[in-house]
């Protein structure tokens, strides 16, 4: 009987000779096992390293999200902004367009929501005049109430939103004569809800919200100067 190397076991007289004859095969087998072990260890190390990197990235992302949320939570609870325009008309004419909520749809931009419906209660104008609106679009639902009215100089309007989210804000209009013209300053303050705080981390809220006031004042100017 011979092995692959040609050794004849039938002529081996001792166990020592037989061991010597098998030695090459044992070496080959041992080397093969070692190579397999090294390959497996390397593959395991690569998998472990990949898993560690994924965990590290996820941890960093989670930390960044937590920092953004914490930063947003620390922002003021009230937003304030102010816009002005000079209108070539006397204060009494401009005042009448603001003090009468029936006239607001003529100049206050509501995002071109054609589904808006309005109802009115209280006096036709001045303190106590109230308007309610409802829509199926982005104008949502809410109400406005004139709480202060000083002829030709100052008007305060409280607005309460029900939809798309509940919030309360205050609008103050100051009218100042400027020769034959009128300077109208619209000051607004409203709740800075948490989702708005989050938006404010990435977006200039004064610029985003202020565009509505700029457009509305431009329309008020055009209407009053006719």
Protein backbone atom coordinates (compact mmCIF):
# COMPACT_ATOMS: atom_id res chain seq x y z
CA UNK A 1 0.00 0.00 0.00
CA UNK A 2 1.40 3.40 -1.07
CA UNK A 3 0.53 6.98 -0.28
CA UNK A 4 0.52 9.86 -2.78
CA UNK A 5 4.26 10.38 -2.33
CA UNK A 6 4.97 6.76 -3.27
CA UNK A 7 5.79 5.40 0.16
CA UNK A 8 4.94 1.72 0.60
CA UNK A 9 3.34 1.09 3.99
CA UNK A 10 3.53 -2.63 3.50
CA UNK A 11 7.33 -2.42 3.80
CA UNK A 12 7.34 -0.11 6.82
CA UNK A 13 8.55 -2.14 9.78
CA UNK A 14 8.00 0.43 12.48
CA UNK A 15 5.45 3.15 13.47
CA UNK A 16 8.20 5.70 13.19
CA UNK A 17 8.68 5.02 9.50
CA UNK A 18 4.94 5.22 8.92
CA UNK A 19 4.78 8.63 10.65
CA UNK A 20 7.65 9.87 8.50
CA UNK A 21 5.79 8.71 5.41
CA UNK A 22 2.61 10.59 6.37
CA UNK A 23 4.42 13.79 7.36
CA UNK A 24 4.08 15.57 3.96
CA UNK A 25 0.33 15.01 3.90
CA UNK A 26 -0.02 16.22 7.48
CA UNK A 27 1.91 19.37 6.64
CA UNK A 28 -0.32 20.08 3.61
CA UNK A 29 -3.47 19.51 5.66
CA UNK A 30 -2.19 21.69 8.50
CA UNK A 31 -1.28 24.51 6.13
CA UNK A 32 -4.71 24.30 4.53
CA UNK A 33 -6.43 24.56 7.91
CA UNK A 34 -4.26 27.53 8.85
CA UNK A 35 -5.04 29.28 5.58
CA UNK A 36 -8.78 28.74 6.08
CA UNK A 37 -8.56 30.06 9.63
CA UNK A 38 -6.73 33.19 8.49
CA UNK A 39 -9.25 33.79 5.69
CA UNK A 40 -12.18 33.39 8.07
CA UNK A 41 -10.58 35.69 10.61
CA UNK A 42 -9.96 38.32 7.92
CA UNK A 43 -13.56 38.12 6.68
CA UNK A 44 -14.88 38.41 10.23
CA UNK A 45 -12.68 41.43 10.85
CA UNK A 46 -14.00 43.13 7.70
CA UNK A 47 -17.60 42.49 8.73
CA UNK A 48 -16.93 43.77 12.26
CA UNK A 49 -15.23 46.88 10.90
CA UNK A 50 -18.11 47.60 8.51
CA UNK A 51 -20.64 47.22 11.31
CA UNK A 52 -18.61 49.54 13.52
CA UNK A 53 -18.50 52.22 10.80
CA UNK A 54 -22.28 52.00 10.24
CA UNK A 55 -22.89 52.29 13.98
CA UNK A 56 -20.53 55.25 14.15
CA UNK A 57 -22.32 57.07 11.29
CA UNK A 58 -25.74 56.41 12.82
CA UNK A 59 -24.53 57.71 16.18
CA UNK A 60 -23.24 60.93 14.60
CA UNK A 61 -26.52 61.46 12.72
CA UNK A 62 -28.55 60.87 15.91
CA UNK A 63 -26.34 63.33 17.79
CA UNK A 64 -26.78 66.01 15.10
CA UNK A 65 -30.57 65.55 15.11
CA UNK A 66 -30.63 65.83 18.90
CA UNK A 67 -28.53 69.03 18.78
CA UNK A 68 -30.84 70.60 16.16
CA UNK A 69 -33.93 69.73 18.22
CA UNK A 70 -32.33 71.11 21.38
CA UNK A 71 -31.28 74.32 19.61
CA UNK A 72 -34.80 74.76 18.23
CA UNK A 73 -36.36 74.23 21.65
CA UNK A 74 -34.22 77.07 23.03
CA UNK A 75 -35.55 79.64 20.54
CA UNK A 76 -37.93 82.44 21.65
CA UNK A 77 -41.61 81.53 22.01
CA UNK A 78 -42.69 84.68 20.16
CA UNK A 79 -41.90 85.82 16.63
CA UNK A 80 -41.87 89.51 15.77
CA UNK A 81 -41.54 91.32 12.49
CA UNK A 82 -42.28 94.73 11.06
CA UNK A 83 -42.80 96.14 7.58
CA UNK A 84 -43.50 99.72 6.39
CA UNK A 85 -44.69 101.47 3.25
CA UNK A 86 -45.29 105.10 2.26
CA UNK A 87 -48.67 105.61 0.60
CA UNK A 88 -49.50 108.67 -1.44
CA UNK A 89 -52.85 109.21 0.26
CA UNK A 90 -54.15 110.96 3.37
CA UNK A 91 -54.28 108.95 6.65
CA UNK A 92 -58.10 108.97 6.75
CA UNK A 93 -58.33 107.12 3.43
CA UNK A 94 -55.75 104.53 4.43
CA UNK A 95 -57.28 104.16 7.89
CA UNK A 96 -60.70 103.33 6.43
CA UNK A 97 -59.26 100.40 4.43
CA UNK A 98 -57.71 98.83 7.55
CA UNK A 99 -60.38 99.69 10.14
CA UNK A 100 -63.11 97.93 8.13
CA UNK A 101 -62.58 94.15 8.02
CA UNK A 102 -64.94 93.96 5.03
CA UNK A 103 -62.21 95.69 3.03
CA UNK A 104 -59.37 93.38 4.07
CA UNK A 105 -59.92 90.85 1.25
CA UNK A 106 -59.26 93.72 -1.18
CA UNK A 107 -55.67 94.11 -0.05
CA UNK A 108 -54.65 91.44 2.50
CA UNK A 109 -53.05 88.61 0.52
CA UNK A 110 -54.42 85.22 1.58
CA UNK A 111 -52.39 83.11 -0.84
CA UNK A 112 -55.00 83.17 -3.64
CA UNK A 113 -57.11 80.57 -1.87
CA UNK A 114 -60.35 80.56 -3.86
CA UNK A 115 -62.10 78.34 -1.31
CA UNK A 116 -62.18 81.03 1.41
CA UNK A 117 -65.59 82.00 2.81
CA UNK A 118 -66.07 84.86 5.29
CA UNK A 119 -68.67 85.93 7.80
CA UNK A 120 -68.81 89.15 9.82
CA UNK A 121 -70.20 90.11 13.21
CA UNK A 122 -70.25 93.11 15.50
CA UNK A 123 -70.07 96.70 14.21
CA UNK A 124 -69.15 97.37 10.59
CA UNK A 125 -65.77 98.81 11.62
CA UNK A 126 -63.70 99.80 14.63
CA UNK A 127 -63.46 98.12 18.02
CA UNK A 128 -65.54 94.95 18.26
CA UNK A 129 -65.70 94.31 14.51
CA UNK A 130 -65.01 90.64 13.87
CA UNK A 131 -64.48 88.46 10.84
CA UNK A 132 -64.40 84.67 10.63
CA UNK A 133 -62.99 82.77 7.67
CA UNK A 134 -62.92 79.15 6.61
CA UNK A 135 -61.42 77.35 3.63
CA UNK A 136 -60.51 73.96 2.28
CA UNK A 137 -57.13 75.30 1.17
CA UNK A 138 -54.03 76.79 2.76
CA UNK A 139 -55.87 79.78 4.27
CA UNK A 140 -57.23 77.40 6.89
CA UNK A 141 -59.76 78.59 9.44
CA UNK A 142 -59.74 81.36 12.02
CA UNK A 143 -61.05 84.74 13.11
CA UNK A 144 -59.97 88.39 13.43
CA UNK A 145 -61.12 90.97 15.96
CA UNK A 146 -60.34 94.68 16.13
CA UNK A 147 -59.38 95.38 19.75
CA UNK A 148 -58.13 98.98 19.43
CA UNK A 149 -58.95 101.75 16.98
CA UNK A 150 -57.67 105.31 17.24
CA UNK A 151 -58.95 107.34 14.29
CA UNK A 152 -56.40 107.87 11.56
CA UNK A 153 -53.41 106.78 13.67
CA UNK A 154 -53.56 103.25 15.15
CA UNK A 155 -55.43 99.97 14.78
CA UNK A 156 -54.83 96.67 16.62
CA UNK A 157 -56.22 93.42 15.25
CA UNK A 158 -56.11 90.08 17.08
CA UNK A 159 -56.04 86.99 14.86
CA UNK A 160 -56.74 83.45 16.05
CA UNK A 161 -56.02 80.48 13.81
CA UNK A 162 -57.78 77.14 14.21
CA UNK A 163 -56.50 75.41 11.09
CA UNK A 164 -54.03 74.27 9.72
CA UNK A 165 -52.71 74.70 13.28
CA UNK A 166 -53.86 76.60 16.33
CA UNK A 167 -52.05 79.88 16.98
CA UNK A 168 -52.68 83.44 18.12
CA UNK A 169 -51.09 86.64 16.88
CA UNK A 170 -51.42 90.39 17.14
CA UNK A 171 -51.29 92.94 14.32
CA UNK A 172 -50.69 96.63 14.98
CA UNK A 173 -50.96 99.29 12.29
CA UNK A 174 -49.42 102.70 12.97
CA UNK A 175 -50.28 105.54 10.55
CA UNK A 176 -48.07 108.63 10.46
CA UNK A 177 -48.59 111.64 8.18
CA UNK A 178 -45.66 112.25 5.85
CA UNK A 179 -46.49 115.49 4.07
CA UNK A 180 -49.37 114.65 1.72
CA UNK A 181 -48.59 110.92 2.18
CA UNK A 182 -48.97 108.38 4.97
CA UNK A 183 -46.38 106.02 6.38
CA UNK A 184 -48.00 102.75 7.40
CA UNK A 185 -46.04 100.48 9.75
CA UNK A 186 -47.39 96.98 10.24
CA UNK A 187 -46.01 95.30 13.37
CA UNK A 188 -46.78 91.64 13.95
CA UNK A 189 -46.11 89.26 16.80
CA UNK A 190 -47.18 85.64 16.93
CA UNK A 191 -46.54 82.32 18.58
CA UNK A 192 -43.35 80.60 17.53
CA UNK A 193 -44.59 77.03 17.52
CA UNK A 194 -42.06 74.21 17.84
CA UNK A 195 -42.27 73.17 14.19
CA UNK A 196 -41.64 76.81 13.26
CA UNK A 197 -38.61 76.84 15.55
CA UNK A 198 -37.29 73.80 13.70
CA UNK A 199 -37.91 75.51 10.36
CA UNK A 200 -36.11 78.58 11.68
CA UNK A 201 -32.91 76.56 12.07
CA UNK A 202 -32.74 76.22 8.28
CA UNK A 203 -34.96 79.05 6.95
CA UNK A 204 -35.02 82.80 7.55
CA UNK A 205 -38.49 83.05 9.11
CA UNK A 206 -38.55 86.86 8.98
CA UNK A 207 -38.01 86.73 5.23
CA UNK A 208 -40.47 83.88 4.67
CA UNK A 209 -43.33 85.32 6.74
CA UNK A 210 -42.47 88.91 5.89
CA UNK A 211 -43.16 88.34 2.20
CA UNK A 212 -46.89 88.15 3.01
CA UNK A 213 -46.79 91.55 4.74
CA UNK A 214 -44.78 93.15 1.95
CA UNK A 215 -47.22 91.91 -0.70
CA UNK A 216 -50.25 93.01 1.33
CA UNK A 217 -48.84 96.50 1.98
CA UNK A 218 -48.05 96.87 -1.71
CA UNK A 219 -51.68 96.01 -2.53
CA UNK A 220 -52.91 98.42 0.18
CA UNK A 221 -50.78 101.15 -1.36
CA UNK A 222 -52.14 100.48 -4.83
CA UNK A 223 -55.73 100.49 -3.57
CA UNK A 224 -55.39 103.64 -1.46
CA UNK A 225 -53.69 105.60 -4.25
CA UNK A 226 -56.50 105.05 -6.76
